[in-house]
């Protein structure tokens, strides 16, 4: 496969355009219809970052092409439908498409030879989506941040950059950081939730086969 430097990235998302959002309150939300969910909303926004879906070992891309129809369909029909839907009746859900890194970057050999750059590219898309969301759509509403797997890795960076010990912290309801490690010293002020109705905190967990922890996770690369 081509090195990351030789790899041609797909067109960048434009988050002022609804086409760059898998789910947006002003866009098509028909993916949730079959669940007959309560459509009433609390005055809360949910910013959801989906997990690694670029997993085909025969796909030599470093980062996903969000404008590829099969990619978009897969995102909507899997993680959006069966994960982001958990918050549909809570508040307005925002799910940005992003040029996520391929699953292979989590292997040390690939991480050191382009994977880190591919992962950074993915975060930059999420960051741009969040900046646009805050500027154009938030209007000072409370925020839930949620992410799974690669999405959780980007979520915790987002929390560190924009919420932890920052003015925006006062708008944080809760963060769901599922499937990635959170070292004890990662957040100076943001703490784990310890009781049911607590706000301004995070919850997280991860599971592996008994006795196995990936080396990159042990080394806290993510």
C-alpha atoms as a PDB file:
ATOM      1  CA  UNK A   1       0.000   0.000   0.000  1.00  0.00           C
ATOM      2  CA  UNK A   2       1.056   3.610  -0.504  1.00  0.00           C
ATOM      3  CA  UNK A   3       2.760   5.478   2.313  1.00  0.00           C
ATOM      4  CA  UNK A   4       0.684   8.128   4.048  1.00  0.00           C
ATOM      5  CA  UNK A   5       2.638  10.868   2.276  1.00  0.00           C
ATOM      6  CA  UNK A   6       1.769   9.314  -1.099  1.00  0.00           C
ATOM      7  CA  UNK A   7      -1.848   8.658  -0.193  1.00  0.00           C
ATOM      8  CA  UNK A   8      -4.336  11.035  -1.796  1.00  0.00           C
ATOM      9  CA  UNK A   9      -6.890  12.167   0.758  1.00  0.00           C
ATOM     10  CA  UNK A  10     -10.493  12.476  -0.323  1.00  0.00           C
ATOM     11  CA  UNK A  11     -12.283  15.795  -0.422  1.00  0.00           C
ATOM     12  CA  UNK A  12     -12.483  17.472   2.979  1.00  0.00           C
ATOM     13  CA  UNK A  13     -15.853  17.815   4.727  1.00  0.00           C
ATOM     14  CA  UNK A  14     -17.537  21.217   4.810  1.00  0.00           C
ATOM     15  CA  UNK A  15     -19.510  21.228   8.031  1.00  0.00           C
ATOM     16  CA  UNK A  16     -21.539  24.264   7.057  1.00  0.00           C
ATOM     17  CA  UNK A  17     -23.103  21.910   4.489  1.00  0.00           C
ATOM     18  CA  UNK A  18     -25.587  19.284   5.719  1.00  0.00           C
ATOM     19  CA  UNK A  19     -24.059  16.748   3.328  1.00  0.00           C
ATOM     20  CA  UNK A  20     -21.082  16.503   5.687  1.00  0.00           C
ATOM     21  CA  UNK A  21     -23.316  15.385   8.569  1.00  0.00           C
ATOM     22  CA  UNK A  22     -24.638  11.841   8.946  1.00  0.00           C
ATOM     23  CA  UNK A  23     -27.249  13.205  11.353  1.00  0.00           C
ATOM     24  CA  UNK A  24     -28.236  16.823  11.854  1.00  0.00           C
ATOM     25  CA  UNK A  25     -31.460  18.310  13.280  1.00  0.00           C
ATOM     26  CA  UNK A  26     -31.990  20.160  10.009  1.00  0.00           C
ATOM     27  CA  UNK A  27     -31.308  17.082   7.881  1.00  0.00           C
ATOM     28  CA  UNK A  28     -32.794  13.682   7.125  1.00  0.00           C
ATOM     29  CA  UNK A  29     -33.299  11.602  10.292  1.00  0.00           C
ATOM     30  CA  UNK A  30     -35.353   8.818   8.737  1.00  0.00           C
ATOM     31  CA  UNK A  31     -32.745   6.261   9.878  1.00  0.00           C
ATOM     32  CA  UNK A  32     -34.397   6.400  13.313  1.00  0.00           C
ATOM     33  CA  UNK A  33     -38.002   6.008  12.161  1.00  0.00           C
ATOM     34  CA  UNK A  34     -38.412   2.254  12.629  1.00  0.00           C
ATOM     35  CA  UNK A  35     -37.716   2.515  16.350  1.00  0.00           C
ATOM     36  CA  UNK A  36     -40.812   4.679  16.983  1.00  0.00           C
ATOM     37  CA  UNK A  37     -38.778   6.803  19.356  1.00  0.00           C
ATOM     38  CA  UNK A  38     -40.222   9.639  21.390  1.00  0.00           C
ATOM     39  CA  UNK A  39     -39.640  12.757  19.292  1.00  0.00           C
ATOM     40  CA  UNK A  40     -39.830  15.172  22.230  1.00  0.00           C
ATOM     41  CA  UNK A  41     -36.467  16.767  22.944  1.00  0.00           C
ATOM     42  CA  UNK A  42     -34.841  18.217  26.002  1.00  0.00           C
ATOM     43  CA  UNK A  43     -32.962  21.496  25.417  1.00  0.00           C
ATOM     44  CA  UNK A  44     -29.736  19.496  25.028  1.00  0.00           C
ATOM     45  CA  UNK A  45     -27.448  18.718  22.086  1.00  0.00           C
ATOM     46  CA  UNK A  46     -25.670  15.389  21.572  1.00  0.00           C
ATOM     47  CA  UNK A  47     -22.406  15.354  19.611  1.00  0.00           C
ATOM     48  CA  UNK A  48     -21.745  11.720  18.662  1.00  0.00           C
ATOM     49  CA  UNK A  49     -18.514  10.387  17.120  1.00  0.00           C
ATOM     50  CA  UNK A  50     -18.851   6.947  15.561  1.00  0.00           C
ATOM     51  CA  UNK A  51     -16.335   4.083  15.881  1.00  0.00           C
ATOM     52  CA  UNK A  52     -13.909   2.566  13.379  1.00  0.00           C
ATOM     53  CA  UNK A  53     -15.841   1.228  10.411  1.00  0.00           C
ATOM     54  CA  UNK A  54     -12.987   1.260   7.881  1.00  0.00           C
ATOM     55  CA  UNK A  55     -11.820  -2.280   8.622  1.00  0.00           C
ATOM     56  CA  UNK A  56     -11.524  -4.208   5.340  1.00  0.00           C
ATOM     57  CA  UNK A  57      -7.952  -5.528   5.167  1.00  0.00           C
ATOM     58  CA  UNK A  58      -8.075  -5.308   1.363  1.00  0.00           C
ATOM     59  CA  UNK A  59      -8.878  -1.598   1.494  1.00  0.00           C
ATOM     60  CA  UNK A  60      -5.532   0.178   1.226  1.00  0.00           C
ATOM     61  CA  UNK A  61      -6.822   3.615   2.211  1.00  0.00           C
ATOM     62  CA  UNK A  62      -5.360   5.319   5.254  1.00  0.00           C
ATOM     63  CA  UNK A  63      -8.495   7.439   5.781  1.00  0.00           C
ATOM     64  CA  UNK A  64     -12.122   7.018   4.781  1.00  0.00           C
ATOM     65  CA  UNK A  65     -13.788   8.863   1.927  1.00  0.00           C
ATOM     66  CA  UNK A  66     -16.938  10.316   3.461  1.00  0.00           C
ATOM     67  CA  UNK A  67     -18.453  11.049   0.071  1.00  0.00           C
ATOM     68  CA  UNK A  68     -18.304   7.419  -1.040  1.00  0.00           C
ATOM     69  CA  UNK A  69     -21.941   6.167  -1.114  1.00  0.00           C
ATOM     70  CA  UNK A  70     -21.103   2.795   0.442  1.00  0.00           C
ATOM     71  CA  UNK A  71     -19.257   4.470   3.314  1.00  0.00           C
ATOM     72  CA  UNK A  72     -22.155   6.803   4.010  1.00  0.00           C
ATOM     73  CA  UNK A  73     -24.675   3.964   3.875  1.00  0.00           C
ATOM     74  CA  UNK A  74     -22.610   1.832   6.243  1.00  0.00           C
ATOM     75  CA  UNK A  75     -22.250   4.652   8.785  1.00  0.00           C
ATOM     76  CA  UNK A  76     -25.995   5.313   8.782  1.00  0.00           C
ATOM     77  CA  UNK A  77     -27.093   1.683   8.820  1.00  0.00           C
ATOM     78  CA  UNK A  78     -24.785   0.547  11.598  1.00  0.00           C
ATOM     79  CA  UNK A  79     -23.449   2.861  14.282  1.00  0.00           C
ATOM     80  CA  UNK A  80     -25.881   5.736  13.698  1.00  0.00           C
ATOM     81  CA  UNK A  81     -28.891   3.461  13.681  1.00  0.00           C
ATOM     82  CA  UNK A  82     -27.881   1.272  16.603  1.00  0.00           C
ATOM     83  CA  UNK A  83     -25.721   3.567  18.741  1.00  0.00           C
ATOM     84  CA  UNK A  84     -26.519   7.236  18.136  1.00  0.00           C
ATOM     85  CA  UNK A  85     -30.234   6.379  18.321  1.00  0.00           C
ATOM     86  CA  UNK A  86     -29.790   5.914  22.085  1.00  0.00           C
ATOM     87  CA  UNK A  87     -29.815   9.702  22.418  1.00  0.00           C
ATOM     88  CA  UNK A  88     -32.519  10.502  19.860  1.00  0.00           C
ATOM     89  CA  UNK A  89     -35.204  11.099  22.495  1.00  0.00           C
ATOM     90  CA  UNK A  90     -32.825  13.038  24.725  1.00  0.00           C
ATOM     91  CA  UNK A  91     -31.897  15.988  22.563  1.00  0.00           C
ATOM     92  CA  UNK A  92     -30.848  17.132  19.114  1.00  0.00           C
ATOM     93  CA  UNK A  93     -28.284  14.693  17.713  1.00  0.00           C
ATOM     94  CA  UNK A  94     -25.306  15.791  15.626  1.00  0.00           C
ATOM     95  CA  UNK A  95     -23.148  13.124  13.952  1.00  0.00           C
ATOM     96  CA  UNK A  96     -20.415  14.389  11.608  1.00  0.00           C
ATOM     97  CA  UNK A  97     -19.044  12.248   8.827  1.00  0.00           C
ATOM     98  CA  UNK A  98     -15.268  12.262   9.177  1.00  0.00           C
ATOM     99  CA  UNK A  99     -12.258  10.857   7.376  1.00  0.00           C
ATOM    100  CA  UNK A 100     -11.578   8.277  10.045  1.00  0.00           C
ATOM    101  CA  UNK A 101      -8.369   6.264  10.121  1.00  0.00           C
ATOM    102  CA  UNK A 102      -8.329   2.637   8.978  1.00  0.00           C
ATOM    103  CA  UNK A 103      -8.345  -0.026  11.700  1.00  0.00           C
ATOM    104  CA  UNK A 104      -4.767  -0.973  10.799  1.00  0.00           C
ATOM    105  CA  UNK A 105      -3.396   2.224  12.387  1.00  0.00           C
ATOM    106  CA  UNK A 106      -3.972   0.633  15.801  1.00  0.00           C
ATOM    107  CA  UNK A 107      -1.199  -1.863  15.014  1.00  0.00           C
ATOM    108  CA  UNK A 108       2.152  -0.544  16.170  1.00  0.00           C
ATOM    109  CA  UNK A 109       3.938  -1.169  12.863  1.00  0.00           C
ATOM    110  CA  UNK A 110       1.394   0.946  10.983  1.00  0.00           C
ATOM    111  CA  UNK A 111       1.123   3.573  13.728  1.00  0.00           C
ATOM    112  CA  UNK A 112       4.814   4.365  13.320  1.00  0.00           C
ATOM    113  CA  UNK A 113       4.654   4.468   9.519  1.00  0.00           C
ATOM    114  CA  UNK A 114       1.720   6.728   8.724  1.00  0.00           C
ATOM    115  CA  UNK A 115      -0.932   5.654  11.199  1.00  0.00           C
ATOM    116  CA  UNK A 116      -0.310   8.504  13.597  1.00  0.00           C
ATOM    117  CA  UNK A 117      -0.739  11.013  10.759  1.00  0.00           C
ATOM    118  CA  UNK A 118      -3.922   9.282   9.555  1.00  0.00           C
ATOM    119  CA  UNK A 119      -5.350   9.342  13.072  1.00  0.00           C
ATOM    120  CA  UNK A 120      -4.475  13.027  13.421  1.00  0.00           C
ATOM    121  CA  UNK A 121      -6.246  13.756  10.142  1.00  0.00           C
ATOM    122  CA  UNK A 122      -9.370  12.069  11.492  1.00  0.00           C
ATOM    123  CA  UNK A 123      -9.270  14.158  14.679  1.00  0.00           C
ATOM    124  CA  UNK A 124      -8.810  17.345  12.673  1.00  0.00           C
ATOM    125  CA  UNK A 125     -12.099  16.610  10.880  1.00  0.00           C
ATOM    126  CA  UNK A 126     -13.882  16.035  14.201  1.00  0.00           C
ATOM    127  CA  UNK A 127     -12.389  19.216  15.598  1.00  0.00           C
ATOM    128  CA  UNK A 128     -13.553  21.206  12.576  1.00  0.00           C
ATOM    129  CA  UNK A 129     -17.041  19.705  12.887  1.00  0.00           C
ATOM    130  CA  UNK A 130     -17.214  20.680  16.557  1.00  0.00           C
ATOM    131  CA  UNK A 131     -15.960  24.215  15.939  1.00  0.00           C
ATOM    132  CA  UNK A 132     -18.611  24.647  13.233  1.00  0.00           C
ATOM    133  CA  UNK A 133     -21.277  23.149  15.493  1.00  0.00           C
ATOM    134  CA  UNK A 134     -20.435  25.575  18.301  1.00  0.00           C
ATOM    135  CA  UNK A 135     -20.371  28.557  15.976  1.00  0.00           C
ATOM    136  CA  UNK A 136     -23.470  27.795  13.932  1.00  0.00           C
ATOM    137  CA  UNK A 137     -25.798  25.572  15.943  1.00  0.00           C
ATOM    138  CA  UNK A 138     -25.194  25.322  19.698  1.00  0.00           C
ATOM    139  CA  UNK A 139     -26.671  28.625  20.896  1.00  0.00           C
ATOM    140  CA  UNK A 140     -25.432  28.067  24.481  1.00  0.00           C
ATOM    141  CA  UNK A 141     -27.311  24.783  24.976  1.00  0.00           C
ATOM    142  CA  UNK A 142     -26.002  22.024  27.279  1.00  0.00           C
ATOM    143  CA  UNK A 143     -23.923  19.383  25.486  1.00  0.00           C
ATOM    144  CA  UNK A 144     -23.488  15.628  25.692  1.00  0.00           C
ATOM    145  CA  UNK A 145     -20.317  14.294  24.062  1.00  0.00           C
ATOM    146  CA  UNK A 146     -20.404  10.605  23.104  1.00  0.00           C
ATOM    147  CA  UNK A 147     -18.002   8.379  21.212  1.00  0.00           C
ATOM    148  CA  UNK A 148     -17.129   4.716  20.807  1.00  0.00           C
ATOM    149  CA  UNK A 149     -13.788   3.122  19.927  1.00  0.00           C
ATOM    150  CA  UNK A 150     -11.919   5.476  17.557  1.00  0.00           C
ATOM    151  CA  UNK A 151     -14.755   7.913  18.187  1.00  0.00           C
ATOM    152  CA  UNK A 152     -14.008   7.782  21.912  1.00  0.00           C
ATOM    153  CA  UNK A 153     -10.350   8.510  21.232  1.00  0.00           C
ATOM    154  CA  UNK A 154     -11.315  11.652  19.356  1.00  0.00           C
ATOM    155  CA  UNK A 155     -13.963  12.515  21.970  1.00  0.00           C
ATOM    156  CA  UNK A 156     -11.498  12.571  24.823  1.00  0.00           C
ATOM    157  CA  UNK A 157      -9.170  14.857  22.857  1.00  0.00           C
ATOM    158  CA  UNK A 158     -12.112  17.126  22.137  1.00  0.00           C
ATOM    159  CA  UNK A 159     -12.940  17.208  25.840  1.00  0.00           C
ATOM    160  CA  UNK A 160      -9.342  17.961  26.735  1.00  0.00           C
ATOM    161  CA  UNK A 161      -9.066  20.771  24.199  1.00  0.00           C
ATOM    162  CA  UNK A 162     -12.433  22.471  24.613  1.00  0.00           C
ATOM    163  CA  UNK A 163     -13.956  21.506  27.973  1.00  0.00           C
ATOM    164  CA  UNK A 164     -11.444  20.454  30.607  1.00  0.00           C
ATOM    165  CA  UNK A 165     -10.656  23.491  32.753  1.00  0.00           C
ATOM    166  CA  UNK A 166     -12.182  25.687  30.024  1.00  0.00           C
ATOM    167  CA  UNK A 167     -15.240  28.015  30.067  1.00  0.00           C
ATOM    168  CA  UNK A 168     -17.221  25.520  27.939  1.00  0.00           C
ATOM    169  CA  UNK A 169     -17.103  23.047  30.838  1.00  0.00           C
ATOM    170  CA  UNK A 170     -20.206  24.681  32.314  1.00  0.00           C
ATOM    171  CA  UNK A 171     -22.241  23.416  29.329  1.00  0.00           C
ATOM    172  CA  UNK A 172     -21.126  19.789  29.620  1.00  0.00           C
ATOM    173  CA  UNK A 173     -23.883  17.465  30.800  1.00  0.00           C
ATOM    174  CA  UNK A 174     -21.860  14.252  30.499  1.00  0.00           C
ATOM    175  CA  UNK A 175     -19.318  12.576  28.244  1.00  0.00           C
ATOM    176  CA  UNK A 176     -19.559   8.921  27.204  1.00  0.00           C
ATOM    177  CA  UNK A 177     -16.048   7.725  26.288  1.00  0.00           C
ATOM    178  CA  UNK A 178     -16.516   4.050  25.484  1.00  0.00           C
ATOM    179  CA  UNK A 179     -13.819   1.616  24.407  1.00  0.00           C
ATOM    180  CA  UNK A 180     -10.684   3.712  24.917  1.00  0.00           C
ATOM    181  CA  UNK A 181      -8.436   4.102  27.974  1.00  0.00           C
ATOM    182  CA  UNK A 182      -8.500   7.269  30.042  1.00  0.00           C
ATOM    183  CA  UNK A 183      -5.304   7.582  32.087  1.00  0.00           C
ATOM    184  CA  UNK A 184      -5.683   8.935  35.607  1.00  0.00           C
ATOM    185  CA  UNK A 185      -3.897  12.180  34.765  1.00  0.00           C
ATOM    186  CA  UNK A 186      -5.445  12.753  31.323  1.00  0.00           C
ATOM    187  CA  UNK A 187      -7.965  15.369  32.505  1.00  0.00           C
ATOM    188  CA  UNK A 188      -6.773  17.880  35.132  1.00  0.00           C
ATOM    189  CA  UNK A 189     -10.308  18.757  36.248  1.00  0.00           C
ATOM    190  CA  UNK A 190     -12.866  16.569  34.436  1.00  0.00           C
ATOM    191  CA  UNK A 191     -13.698  13.608  36.669  1.00  0.00           C
ATOM    192  CA  UNK A 192     -15.498  10.257  36.310  1.00  0.00           C
ATOM    193  CA  UNK A 193     -19.181  10.240  37.222  1.00  0.00           C
ATOM    194  CA  UNK A 194     -19.789   8.698  40.633  1.00  0.00           C
ATOM    195  CA  UNK A 195     -23.573   8.979  41.039  1.00  0.00           C
ATOM    196  CA  UNK A 196     -26.656   8.777  38.841  1.00  0.00           C
ATOM    197  CA  UNK A 197     -27.594  12.439  38.407  1.00  0.00           C
ATOM    198  CA  UNK A 198     -24.112  13.920  38.326  1.00  0.00           C
ATOM    199  CA  UNK A 199     -23.250  16.332  35.504  1.00  0.00           C
ATOM    200  CA  UNK A 200     -19.997  17.756  34.186  1.00  0.00           C
ATOM    201  CA  UNK A 201     -18.321  14.329  34.323  1.00  0.00           C
ATOM    202  CA  UNK A 202     -17.545  11.324  32.131  1.00  0.00           C
ATOM    203  CA  UNK A 203     -18.242   7.601  32.008  1.00  0.00           C
ATOM    204  CA  UNK A 204     -16.175   5.022  30.191  1.00  0.00           C
ATOM    205  CA  UNK A 205     -15.240   1.365  29.968  1.00  0.00           C
ATOM    206  CA  UNK A 206     -13.407  -1.014  27.655  1.00  0.00           C
ATOM    207  CA  UNK A 207     -13.141  -4.772  27.361  1.00  0.00           C
ATOM    208  CA  UNK A 208     -10.589  -7.189  25.936  1.00  0.00           C
ATOM    209  CA  UNK A 209     -10.088 -10.919  25.791  1.00  0.00           C
ATOM    210  CA  UNK A 210      -8.981 -12.129  29.217  1.00  0.00           C
ATOM    211  CA  UNK A 211      -5.276 -11.411  29.719  1.00  0.00           C
ATOM    212  CA  UNK A 212      -4.859  -9.314  26.550  1.00  0.00           C
ATOM    213  CA  UNK A 213      -4.241  -5.580  26.233  1.00  0.00           C
ATOM    214  CA  UNK A 214      -3.009  -4.097  22.909  1.00  0.00           C
ATOM    215  CA  UNK A 215       0.495  -2.639  23.146  1.00  0.00           C
ATOM    216  CA  UNK A 216      -0.557   0.776  21.838  1.00  0.00           C
ATOM    217  CA  UNK A 217      -3.192   0.962  24.571  1.00  0.00           C
ATOM    218  CA  UNK A 218      -0.652  -0.032  27.239  1.00  0.00           C
ATOM    219  CA  UNK A 219       1.567   2.768  25.996  1.00  0.00           C
ATOM    220  CA  UNK A 220      -1.366   5.212  26.125  1.00  0.00           C
ATOM    221  CA  UNK A 221      -1.017   6.268  22.472  1.00  0.00           C
ATOM    222  CA  UNK A 222      -4.744   6.955  22.300  1.00  0.00           C
END
